[in-house]
Amino acid sequence: MKKILAYLMVGIAFTGCNSLDLEPISSIADNKYWQTEAQVDAFNVGLHSKFREKCSYSIFLFGEPRADYYFGESTFGSATQGNERMWNNSLNDVNTVVSNFGNLYEVINQANLMINKVEGMSMNESTKKYYLGEVYGIRAFLYFQLLRSYGDVVIWTDFSEGSSLDLGNLAKPASPAADVMKLIVDDLQASETAFGDNYGFRNDSQRYFWSKAATMMLKGEVYMWRGKHMGGGNEDYTTAKNALQEVRNQTDKFGLLEDFSEVFSYDNKNNKEIIFAIRNARDEYNMWGDATYNNNMFPQQNILFGYMDENGNPISSLGDKVKVNGTIRYPVNKDVYTKCFNDNDTRKRSTLQAAYEKKEDGTLSLYGLYPAKFLGTLLDGADTRSPLDDYPVYRYADCLLLLAQAKAFLGENPVEEINAVRKRAYGEDYFNAHPEVQYPNDNDAALYADNKSVKPDNAGAMEAVLKERMREFMVEGKRWYDLRLAGDEYVLEHTTAEASRLLWPIDKNTLTNNSALKQTPGYESSGGK
């Protein structure tokens, strides 16, 4: 009797733009699938589509709002609607913000299926190895998100019928973090071995599929985390450094763009700085899904147009770039704009759009901010911009600054990597003419006085790395994890978090459905088990 698989996702739109658009197929016989390379390719496209659906917003949620970019005051007439629990670090098992582990296990379920089937297939060996390199790398990435967010988590390497997976119904206890880390390291090794020395992409433009470079970037993060938080020490920091240096050496494939804003431009996708990004496209998928980005990050246009730009002109005079519309659920802390950037740093205005109030005496007062990094595009005939930019997971600047962090852990000098990023941020001519912005000279007493978010270079190499990453990666879901990686003392210094609650609580529904799970330590008193 044929086993019918309800979980199979098959790509249907292999167009010239390499669409990830998919639809579910509800009844394909198991013994008729997993026979050809084309079927594996279709499933792999489906896996990446599921990754996009479940991970793009989760990457942001787990990695950024609990840090220090956002604050609780509503702006542009919009309320935060509970999101303030993240930056106030007042999460509990009733108000978790994220439920069902961010639905990451749904993607893990699909990855487990692909690993199980492809390992036993007869097909072109190099092609088979590339697919296995991708899927093992993706699974390692997903478990690493869970490890950093929850500590002990359920290890699930089997697969269930259905494209969704409710972990609350598995009745399976969490495994110790050490066992989760072992699975991550094993998957990384399997991915790295499968890729071999193949740093190529599926084709030259497909940087939205997992690759050897993505695996090595993840390896750098994982081994630094194990080195700092799980006793690995210098041996793991060295492994991380070597992995990141290997990516850095791929100069024919990766490099910094001269213009920071061009890294994220809708018209410049798959550029040389991108290592791995989540694809978004018209009639396919919006950034973070549906209207999620607009309805969290952009102000209402009619309210925005009542304010001024930094020169005192109506902000509407900036033209198409301010034709945004949404609701601000993540109000940006004004100190990020006024205290975290030097004014000649091009990232300041490429990352944030400032709106000013004009006082009766004609002076301007900063009213509010919203991200200018991912503005999407203004489609023909549209009045507002559509959030169709790709969402970077790893890019070359990330490689340089992670490498700088590995060196900081090892007590080595990260001057080369930090200054490469700063030179791009200021422009080569300004950077060369102003040694005061070069590492280790960025010590402006006025800028760094009473500054909770960033510190002068003379506060140490780790603070310098964290400062550069804060300026570089806003909205990319990294700041909270950056602080966590550096060490608990940095989290406590720069955020509102308490030492006992650096992980995430598990929602009550998941705890109720899975009697084998226990609440994350630190949150038991709020009603969890």
Protein backbone atom coordinates (compact mmCIF):
# COMPACT_ATOMS: atom_id res chain seq x y z
CA MET A 1 0.00 0.00 0.00
CA LYS A 2 1.37 3.38 -0.97
CA LYS A 3 2.24 5.81 1.78
CA ILE A 4 0.81 9.23 0.97
CA LEU A 5 2.91 12.16 2.09
CA ALA A 6 1.04 15.25 3.09
CA TYR A 7 4.23 17.14 3.87
CA LEU A 8 5.75 17.36 0.41
CA MET A 9 6.36 20.84 -1.01
CA VAL A 10 7.10 21.05 -4.73
CA GLY A 11 8.40 24.12 -6.57
CA ILE A 12 6.10 25.22 -9.37
CA ALA A 13 7.58 28.44 -10.68
CA PHE A 14 11.10 27.97 -11.93
CA THR A 15 11.17 31.21 -13.88
CA GLY A 16 14.04 33.27 -15.20
CA CYS A 17 14.23 35.11 -11.87
CA ASN A 18 14.62 31.83 -9.95
CA SER A 19 11.39 32.23 -8.01
CA LEU A 20 10.88 30.50 -4.68
CA ASP A 21 7.11 30.64 -5.18
CA LEU A 22 5.58 27.32 -4.12
CA GLU A 23 2.33 25.54 -3.54
CA PRO A 24 1.70 22.42 -1.43
CA ILE A 25 1.01 19.11 -3.09
CA SER A 26 -1.28 17.10 -0.84
CA SER A 27 -0.94 13.57 -2.18
CA ILE A 28 2.24 12.30 -3.78
CA ALA A 29 3.15 8.65 -3.31
CA ASP A 30 6.40 8.19 -1.41
CA ASN A 31 7.61 5.49 -3.78
CA LYS A 32 7.17 7.79 -6.78
CA TYR A 33 9.07 10.72 -5.32
CA TRP A 34 12.76 11.01 -4.43
CA GLN A 35 13.67 9.36 -7.71
CA THR A 36 15.27 12.17 -9.72
CA GLU A 37 17.53 15.17 -9.29
CA ALA A 38 14.69 17.43 -10.44
CA GLN A 39 12.52 16.19 -7.57
CA VAL A 40 15.27 16.87 -5.05
CA ASP A 41 15.80 20.31 -6.53
CA ALA A 42 12.10 21.07 -6.22
CA PHE A 43 12.04 19.97 -2.60
CA ASN A 44 15.16 22.02 -1.87
CA VAL A 45 13.44 25.10 -3.29
CA GLY A 46 10.50 24.27 -1.04
CA LEU A 47 12.78 23.97 1.97
CA HIS A 48 14.22 27.43 1.33
CA SER A 49 10.71 28.80 0.87
CA LYS A 50 9.67 27.31 4.20
CA PHE A 51 12.83 28.82 5.74
CA ARG A 52 11.78 32.22 4.38
CA GLU A 53 8.22 31.87 5.64
CA LYS A 54 9.12 30.79 9.18
CA CYS A 55 12.52 32.35 9.77
CA SER A 56 12.75 35.84 8.29
CA TYR A 57 10.73 37.57 11.03
CA SER A 58 11.88 35.10 13.71
CA ILE A 59 15.53 35.98 12.99
CA PHE A 60 14.68 39.60 13.74
CA LEU A 61 12.57 38.83 16.83
CA PHE A 62 15.09 36.52 18.47
CA GLY A 63 18.10 38.64 17.52
CA GLU A 64 17.27 42.32 17.97
CA PRO A 65 14.31 43.86 19.88
CA ARG A 66 15.51 42.77 23.34
CA ALA A 67 18.60 44.95 22.88
CA ASP A 68 18.86 48.74 22.85
CA TYR A 69 17.65 50.02 19.48
CA TYR A 70 14.01 50.51 20.50
CA PHE A 71 12.13 52.17 23.35
CA GLY A 72 8.62 52.29 24.77
CA GLU A 73 7.29 55.68 23.68
CA SER A 74 4.83 55.53 20.80
CA THR A 75 5.59 57.68 17.76
CA PHE A 76 3.74 58.68 14.61
CA GLY A 77 0.42 57.88 16.29
CA SER A 78 1.08 54.13 16.66
CA ALA A 79 1.15 51.94 19.77
CA THR A 80 3.75 49.24 20.43
CA GLN A 81 1.05 46.63 21.21
CA GLY A 82 3.07 44.48 23.58
CA ASN A 83 6.35 44.59 21.68
CA GLU A 84 7.74 46.78 24.44
CA ARG A 85 8.02 43.62 26.54
CA MET A 86 11.04 42.73 24.45
CA TRP A 87 13.13 45.88 24.93
CA ASN A 88 11.87 46.26 28.49
CA ASN A 89 12.81 42.60 28.99
CA SER A 90 9.56 41.94 30.86
CA LEU A 91 8.73 38.70 29.06
CA ASN A 92 6.98 35.92 30.97
CA ASP A 93 5.21 32.67 30.14
CA VAL A 94 1.95 34.51 29.54
CA ASN A 95 3.50 37.24 27.39
CA THR A 96 6.22 35.45 25.41
CA VAL A 97 5.83 37.38 22.12
CA VAL A 98 7.22 34.31 20.34
CA SER A 99 5.24 31.06 20.53
CA ASN A 100 5.89 27.45 19.47
CA PHE A 101 9.65 28.16 19.32
CA GLY A 102 9.15 30.60 16.47
CA ASN A 103 7.85 27.71 14.33
CA LEU A 104 11.46 26.81 13.53
CA TYR A 105 10.70 23.12 14.03
CA GLU A 106 8.49 23.20 10.94
CA VAL A 107 11.60 23.94 8.87
CA ILE A 108 13.64 21.40 10.85
CA ASN A 109 10.97 18.79 10.05
CA GLN A 110 11.41 19.44 6.32
CA ALA A 111 15.19 19.39 6.62
CA ASN A 112 15.05 16.04 8.43
CA LEU A 113 12.95 14.60 5.63
CA MET A 114 15.34 15.83 2.94
CA ILE A 115 18.39 14.47 4.78
CA ASN A 116 16.72 11.08 5.23
CA LYS A 117 15.73 10.75 1.59
CA VAL A 118 18.73 12.29 -0.19
CA GLU A 119 21.30 10.33 1.84
CA GLY A 120 19.92 7.10 0.34
CA MET A 121 19.43 8.28 -3.25
CA SER A 122 21.46 7.31 -6.29
CA MET A 123 22.29 10.47 -8.23
CA ASN A 124 25.24 12.48 -9.47
CA GLU A 125 27.60 12.44 -6.50
CA SER A 126 28.75 16.08 -6.63
CA THR A 127 25.15 17.28 -6.99
CA LYS A 128 24.04 15.06 -4.12
CA LYS A 129 26.81 16.39 -1.90
CA TYR A 130 25.87 19.99 -2.66
CA TYR A 131 22.25 19.37 -1.63
CA LEU A 132 23.41 17.68 1.57
CA GLY A 133 25.76 20.57 2.27
CA GLU A 134 22.80 22.94 2.04
CA VAL A 135 20.36 20.98 4.17
CA TYR A 136 22.80 20.09 6.96
CA GLY A 137 23.87 23.74 7.09
CA ILE A 138 20.27 24.94 7.34
CA ARG A 139 19.45 22.49 10.12
CA ALA A 140 22.55 23.56 12.07
CA PHE A 141 21.51 27.20 11.69
CA LEU A 142 18.01 26.50 13.01
CA TYR A 143 19.19 24.57 16.04
CA PHE A 144 21.71 27.32 16.77
CA GLN A 145 18.87 29.86 16.89
CA LEU A 146 17.03 27.61 19.33
CA LEU A 147 20.12 27.00 21.47
CA ARG A 148 20.91 30.71 21.79
CA SER A 149 17.28 31.54 22.55
CA TYR A 150 16.16 28.71 24.85
CA GLY A 151 19.22 26.74 25.95
CA ASP A 152 17.88 23.19 26.42
CA VAL A 153 15.54 22.32 23.54
CA VAL A 154 13.94 19.25 22.01
CA ILE A 155 16.16 17.45 19.50
CA TRP A 156 14.02 16.25 16.61
CA THR A 157 15.81 14.44 13.77
CA ASP A 158 12.85 12.39 12.54
CA PHE A 159 10.10 13.73 10.28
CA SER A 160 6.34 13.75 10.55
CA GLU A 161 3.61 13.85 7.97
CA GLY A 162 2.36 17.34 7.25
CA SER A 163 4.35 20.45 6.37
CA SER A 164 3.67 21.90 9.83
CA LEU A 165 4.90 20.59 13.16
CA ASP A 166 3.47 21.49 16.55
CA LEU A 167 6.27 20.63 18.94
CA GLY A 168 3.83 20.84 21.81
CA ASN A 169 2.25 17.59 20.62
CA LEU A 170 5.46 15.55 20.52
CA ALA A 171 5.48 14.76 24.26
CA LYS A 172 9.25 14.79 24.18
CA PRO A 173 11.52 16.45 26.77
CA ALA A 174 14.18 19.00 25.97
CA SER A 175 17.75 17.79 25.60
CA PRO A 176 20.61 19.48 27.46
CA ALA A 177 22.23 22.39 25.66
CA ALA A 178 25.47 20.38 25.40
CA ASP A 179 23.66 17.72 23.35
CA VAL A 180 22.08 20.37 21.14
CA MET A 181 25.49 21.91 20.54
CA LYS A 182 26.88 18.47 19.62
CA LEU A 183 24.14 18.09 16.99
CA ILE A 184 24.94 21.56 15.63
CA VAL A 185 28.67 20.81 15.40
CA ASP A 186 28.00 17.42 13.79
CA ASP A 187 25.70 19.03 11.22
CA LEU A 188 28.28 21.72 10.50
CA GLN A 189 30.90 19.06 9.91
CA ALA A 190 28.53 17.12 7.65
CA SER A 191 27.78 20.29 5.68
CA GLU A 192 31.41 21.31 5.39
CA THR A 193 32.45 17.81 4.31
CA ALA A 194 29.66 17.59 1.74
CA PHE A 195 30.57 20.94 0.18
CA GLY A 196 34.27 20.10 0.17
CA ASP A 197 36.15 23.01 -1.39
CA ASN A 198 33.14 24.10 -3.46
CA TYR A 199 32.52 27.77 -2.66
CA GLY A 200 30.32 28.17 -5.72
CA PHE A 201 26.65 29.08 -5.70
CA ARG A 202 23.90 27.15 -7.46
CA ASN A 203 24.44 29.77 -10.09
CA ASP A 204 26.18 33.11 -9.91
CA SER A 205 23.05 35.01 -8.83
CA GLN A 206 21.54 32.62 -6.30
CA ARG A 207 22.85 33.94 -3.01
CA TYR A 208 19.45 33.17 -1.48
CA PHE A 209 20.32 29.46 -1.34
CA TRP A 210 22.54 28.10 1.43
CA SER A 211 26.19 27.63 0.44
CA LYS A 212 29.62 26.64 1.74
CA ALA A 213 30.29 30.26 2.71
CA ALA A 214 27.10 30.34 4.80
CA THR A 215 28.19 27.17 6.57
CA MET A 216 31.58 28.68 7.40
CA MET A 217 29.98 31.90 8.66
CA LEU A 218 27.76 29.82 10.93
CA LYS A 219 30.78 27.80 12.03
CA GLY A 220 32.46 31.01 13.14
CA GLU A 221 29.46 32.01 15.24
CA VAL A 222 28.93 28.55 16.70
CA TYR A 223 32.52 28.01 17.79
CA MET A 224 32.75 31.45 19.35
CA TRP A 225 29.55 30.74 21.26
CA ARG A 226 30.88 27.38 22.42
CA GLY A 227 34.18 28.98 23.32
CA LYS A 228 32.58 31.71 25.43
CA HIS A 229 29.52 30.00 26.92
CA MET A 230 30.31 26.27 26.93
CA GLY A 231 33.93 26.05 28.02
CA GLY A 232 35.68 25.74 24.66
CA GLY A 233 37.94 28.73 25.20
CA ASN A 234 40.81 29.64 22.89
CA GLU A 235 40.72 26.40 20.95
CA ASP A 236 37.17 27.16 19.79
CA TYR A 237 37.94 30.84 19.19
CA THR A 238 40.80 29.76 16.94
CA THR A 239 38.54 27.37 15.01
CA ALA A 240 36.06 30.22 14.55
CA LYS A 241 38.78 32.59 13.40
CA ASN A 242 40.07 30.09 10.83
CA ALA A 243 36.57 29.44 9.46
CA LEU A 244 35.87 33.16 9.02
CA GLN A 245 39.30 33.77 7.52
CA GLU A 246 38.51 31.12 4.92
CA VAL A 247 35.42 33.07 3.86
CA ARG A 248 37.40 36.29 3.83
CA ASN A 249 39.91 34.70 1.47
CA GLN A 250 37.22 34.16 -1.20
CA THR A 251 37.91 37.58 -2.67
CA ASP A 252 36.66 36.58 -6.13
CA LYS A 253 33.18 36.05 -4.69
CA PHE A 254 32.84 38.43 -1.73
CA GLY A 255 33.83 41.97 -0.77
CA LEU A 256 32.57 45.24 0.66
CA LEU A 257 30.62 47.50 -1.67
CA GLU A 258 31.84 51.09 -1.76
CA ASP A 259 28.39 52.49 -0.90
CA PHE A 260 26.75 51.10 2.26
CA SER A 261 23.23 51.88 1.04
CA GLU A 262 23.76 49.91 -2.17
CA VAL A 263 24.12 46.69 -0.18
CA PHE A 264 20.36 46.75 0.48
CA SER A 265 19.12 48.40 -2.72
CA TYR A 266 16.19 46.71 -4.43
CA ASP A 267 17.98 47.23 -7.75
CA ASN A 268 21.22 45.66 -6.54
CA LYS A 269 20.24 42.24 -5.22
CA ASN A 270 22.74 39.37 -5.14
CA ASN A 271 25.62 41.84 -4.94
CA LYS A 272 29.13 40.84 -3.94
CA GLU A 273 28.64 41.68 -0.25
CA ILE A 274 25.80 39.19 0.16
CA ILE A 275 26.76 35.75 1.43
CA PHE A 276 23.25 34.44 2.20
CA ALA A 277 19.99 36.38 2.02
CA ILE A 278 16.28 35.61 2.21
CA ARG A 279 14.70 36.40 -1.13
CA ASN A 280 11.64 38.62 -1.47
CA ALA A 281 9.97 39.48 -4.75
CA ARG A 282 6.82 40.93 -6.28
CA ASP A 283 3.88 38.50 -6.41
CA GLU A 284 5.99 36.06 -4.41
CA TYR A 285 6.80 37.20 -0.87
CA ASN A 286 7.10 40.47 1.03
CA MET A 287 9.82 41.04 3.59
CA TRP A 288 8.89 39.23 6.84
CA GLY A 289 5.65 38.05 5.14
CA ASP A 290 2.54 39.89 3.94
CA ALA A 291 2.43 43.38 5.52
CA THR A 292 4.53 42.48 8.58
CA TYR A 293 7.42 44.82 7.79
CA ASN A 294 5.29 47.84 6.87
CA ASN A 295 2.99 47.32 9.82
CA ASN A 296 5.84 47.25 12.31
CA MET A 297 8.54 49.57 10.97
CA PHE A 298 7.00 52.34 8.80
CA PRO A 299 4.91 55.29 9.99
CA GLN A 300 1.51 56.25 8.63
CA GLN A 301 2.21 58.41 5.60
CA ASN A 302 -0.37 61.09 6.39
CA ILE A 303 1.19 61.57 9.84
CA LEU A 304 4.79 61.42 8.58
CA PHE A 305 4.11 64.16 6.04
CA GLY A 306 3.30 66.56 8.88
CA TYR A 307 6.98 66.65 9.88
CA MET A 308 10.21 68.15 8.52
CA ASP A 309 13.52 66.80 7.34
CA GLU A 310 16.80 67.77 9.01
CA ASN A 311 17.03 70.94 6.88
CA GLY A 312 13.61 72.21 7.95
CA ASN A 313 11.88 71.34 4.69
CA PRO A 314 8.63 69.33 4.60
CA ILE A 315 9.67 65.70 4.74
CA SER A 316 7.46 65.02 1.72
CA SER A 317 9.96 67.04 -0.33
CA LEU A 318 12.33 64.06 -0.12
CA GLY A 319 10.18 62.42 -2.79
CA ASP A 320 9.78 58.72 -3.47
CA LYS A 321 12.07 57.60 -0.64
CA VAL A 322 9.55 58.73 2.01
CA LYS A 323 6.47 57.29 0.29
CA VAL A 324 6.06 54.69 3.02
CA ASN A 325 2.95 53.70 4.92
CA GLY A 326 2.38 51.44 7.91
CA THR A 327 2.43 51.56 11.69
CA ILE A 328 5.38 51.96 14.03
CA ARG A 329 5.38 49.03 16.46
CA TYR A 330 9.15 49.33 17.01
CA PRO A 331 9.83 52.99 17.85
CA VAL A 332 13.54 53.68 17.49
CA ASN A 333 15.35 55.13 20.49
CA LYS A 334 16.40 58.69 19.56
CA ASP A 335 19.75 58.12 21.28
CA VAL A 336 20.59 55.62 18.54
CA TYR A 337 20.56 58.51 16.07
CA THR A 338 22.10 61.20 18.24
CA LYS A 339 24.63 59.24 20.32
CA CYS A 340 25.58 56.07 18.44
CA PHE A 341 26.86 57.48 15.15
CA ASN A 342 29.45 60.08 14.26
CA ASP A 343 27.67 62.53 12.00
CA ASN A 344 29.92 61.84 9.00
CA ASP A 345 29.25 58.10 9.17
CA THR A 346 27.16 57.39 6.05
CA ARG A 347 25.41 54.54 7.85
CA LYS A 348 23.56 57.03 10.06
CA ARG A 349 21.26 58.38 7.33
CA SER A 350 21.30 55.19 5.29
CA THR A 351 19.99 53.25 8.29
CA LEU A 352 17.50 55.74 9.77
CA GLN A 353 15.18 58.41 8.47
CA ALA A 354 14.70 61.24 10.96
CA ALA A 355 11.55 63.38 11.23
CA TYR A 356 11.62 66.75 12.98
CA GLU A 357 9.11 69.08 14.55
CA LYS A 358 9.46 72.79 13.80
CA LYS A 359 8.99 74.90 16.91
CA GLU A 360 7.36 78.31 16.98
CA ASP A 361 10.79 79.94 17.08
CA GLY A 362 11.79 78.07 13.94
CA THR A 363 14.15 75.61 15.60
CA LEU A 364 13.94 71.92 14.86
CA SER A 365 13.42 69.15 17.41
CA LEU A 366 13.92 65.47 16.59
CA TYR A 367 10.49 63.84 16.79
CA GLY A 368 10.90 60.27 15.61
CA LEU A 369 12.79 57.79 13.46
CA TYR A 370 12.11 54.83 11.25
CA PRO A 371 14.39 52.47 9.29
CA ALA A 372 15.68 53.71 5.96
CA LYS A 373 17.76 50.60 5.30
CA PHE A 374 15.00 48.43 3.78
CA LEU A 375 12.81 50.86 1.83
CA GLY A 376 11.76 48.36 -0.83
CA THR A 377 10.61 49.80 -4.12
CA LEU A 378 7.87 51.99 -5.53
CA LEU A 379 6.06 49.80 -8.03
CA ASP A 380 4.55 51.32 -11.16
CA GLY A 381 1.34 53.13 -10.32
CA ALA A 382 1.75 52.72 -6.56
CA ASP A 383 1.50 55.50 -3.98
CA THR A 384 3.56 53.73 -1.32
CA ARG A 385 6.67 51.59 -1.34
CA SER A 386 6.51 47.77 -1.26
CA PRO A 387 8.86 45.87 1.12
CA LEU A 388 10.54 43.67 -1.48
CA ASP A 389 14.21 43.99 -0.52
CA ASP A 390 16.05 40.76 0.19
CA TYR A 391 16.85 40.21 3.88
CA PRO A 392 20.53 39.47 4.55
CA VAL A 393 21.38 36.66 6.94
CA TYR A 394 25.13 36.82 6.33
CA ARG A 395 27.15 39.41 4.41
CA TYR A 396 30.83 40.24 4.01
CA ALA A 397 30.86 43.04 6.60
CA ASP A 398 29.53 40.43 9.02
CA CYS A 399 32.46 38.18 8.15
CA LEU A 400 34.96 40.97 8.87
CA LEU A 401 33.41 41.96 12.18
CA LEU A 402 32.91 38.38 13.39
CA LEU A 403 36.57 37.83 12.56
CA ALA A 404 37.37 40.95 14.58
CA GLN A 405 35.37 39.50 17.46
CA ALA A 406 37.24 36.19 17.31
CA LYS A 407 40.50 38.16 17.46
CA ALA A 408 39.19 40.15 20.42
CA PHE A 409 38.44 36.90 22.26
CA LEU A 410 41.97 35.71 21.51
CA GLY A 411 43.58 38.97 22.64
CA GLU A 412 44.69 39.79 19.09
CA ASN A 413 44.42 43.17 17.38
CA PRO A 414 41.26 43.57 15.23
CA VAL A 415 42.42 46.86 13.70
CA GLU A 416 42.44 45.64 10.10
CA GLU A 417 38.89 44.28 10.11
CA ILE A 418 37.32 47.16 12.07
CA ASN A 419 38.99 49.81 9.92
CA ALA A 420 37.98 48.08 6.68
CA VAL A 421 34.34 48.50 7.73
CA ARG A 422 34.85 52.04 9.00
CA LYS A 423 36.61 53.13 5.81
CA ARG A 424 33.56 52.11 3.81
CA ALA A 425 31.26 53.85 6.31
CA TYR A 426 33.05 57.21 6.08
CA GLY A 427 34.34 57.00 2.55
CA GLU A 428 38.02 56.46 1.83
CA ASP A 429 38.97 60.13 1.48
CA TYR A 430 37.33 61.24 4.73
CA PHE A 431 38.59 58.18 6.60
CA ASN A 432 42.18 58.72 5.50
CA ALA A 433 42.05 62.45 6.34
CA HIS A 434 40.53 61.94 9.80
CA PRO A 435 42.55 59.57 11.98
CA GLU A 436 40.22 60.34 14.88
CA VAL A 437 37.56 58.04 13.40
CA GLN A 438 40.02 55.21 12.80
CA TYR A 439 40.43 52.35 15.26
CA PRO A 440 41.69 52.68 17.99
CA ASN A 441 41.25 56.49 17.95
CA ASP A 442 37.44 56.86 18.06
CA ASN A 443 37.34 58.31 21.58
CA ASP A 444 35.32 61.53 21.24
CA ALA A 445 34.61 62.52 24.84
CA ALA A 446 31.46 64.47 23.95
CA LEU A 447 29.91 61.64 21.93
CA TYR A 448 30.61 58.91 24.46
CA ALA A 449 29.81 60.79 27.65
CA ASP A 450 26.90 59.11 29.45
CA ASN A 451 26.42 56.81 26.45
CA LYS A 452 24.81 53.49 27.40
CA SER A 453 24.81 51.92 23.92
CA VAL A 454 28.32 52.45 22.54
CA LYS A 455 31.71 53.04 24.12
CA PRO A 456 34.95 54.69 22.94
CA ASP A 457 37.62 52.52 21.37
CA ASN A 458 39.75 52.82 24.49
CA ALA A 459 37.09 50.83 26.39
CA GLY A 460 38.58 47.72 24.79
CA ALA A 461 38.54 45.71 21.57
CA MET A 462 35.29 43.89 22.36
CA GLU A 463 33.41 47.15 22.94
CA ALA A 464 34.84 48.48 19.68
CA VAL A 465 33.58 45.43 17.80
CA LEU A 466 30.14 45.70 19.41
CA LYS A 467 29.97 49.40 18.54
CA GLU A 468 30.80 48.75 14.91
CA ARG A 469 28.29 45.93 14.67
CA MET A 470 25.58 48.10 16.23
CA ARG A 471 26.16 50.77 13.59
CA GLU A 472 26.36 48.27 10.75
CA PHE A 473 23.52 45.79 11.34
CA MET A 474 20.44 47.57 12.67
CA VAL A 475 17.20 45.79 11.59
CA GLU A 476 19.22 42.73 10.54
CA GLY A 477 18.47 40.82 13.76
CA LYS A 478 21.96 40.69 15.30
CA ARG A 479 22.39 43.15 18.20
CA TRP A 480 20.94 40.99 21.01
CA TYR A 481 22.94 37.96 19.91
CA ASP A 482 26.08 40.10 19.54
CA LEU A 483 25.82 41.19 23.15
CA ARG A 484 24.99 37.66 24.31
CA LEU A 485 27.99 36.26 22.47
CA ALA A 486 30.35 38.84 23.96
CA GLY A 487 29.27 37.85 27.46
CA ASP A 488 26.52 38.39 29.99
CA GLU A 489 28.26 41.46 31.38
CA TYR A 490 27.81 43.22 28.04
CA VAL A 491 24.10 42.38 27.95
CA LEU A 492 23.61 43.80 31.42
CA GLU A 493 25.64 46.92 30.57
CA HIS A 494 23.80 47.77 27.36
CA THR A 495 20.22 46.56 27.89
CA THR A 496 17.44 46.34 30.48
CA ALA A 497 17.84 42.56 30.85
CA GLU A 498 18.31 40.69 34.12
CA ALA A 499 21.01 38.03 34.47
CA SER A 500 18.44 35.34 35.29
CA ARG A 501 16.35 36.00 32.17
CA LEU A 502 18.63 36.10 29.16
CA LEU A 503 16.87 33.19 27.47
CA TRP A 504 13.26 33.19 26.24
CA PRO A 505 10.19 31.81 28.04
CA ILE A 506 8.14 29.01 26.50
CA ASP A 507 4.51 29.89 25.85
CA LYS A 508 1.84 28.23 27.98
CA ASN A 509 0.14 26.50 25.08
CA THR A 510 3.32 24.63 24.17
CA LEU A 511 3.92 23.69 27.82
CA THR A 512 0.34 22.49 28.22
CA ASN A 513 0.41 20.34 25.09
CA ASN A 514 3.79 18.80 25.83
CA SER A 515 3.83 17.57 29.43
CA ALA A 516 7.49 16.54 29.05
CA LEU A 517 8.65 20.14 28.59
CA LYS A 518 9.63 22.41 31.46
CA GLN A 519 9.64 26.19 31.55
CA THR A 520 12.91 27.96 30.77
CA PRO A 521 14.85 28.59 34.01
CA GLY A 522 14.19 32.07 35.31
CA TYR A 523 10.56 32.15 34.23
CA GLU A 524 9.07 29.51 36.55
CA SER A 525 7.73 32.08 39.01
CA SER A 526 5.52 33.63 36.34
CA GLY A 527 3.33 30.54 36.25
CA GLY A 528 5.23 28.16 34.01
CA LYS A 529 6.29 24.67 35.04
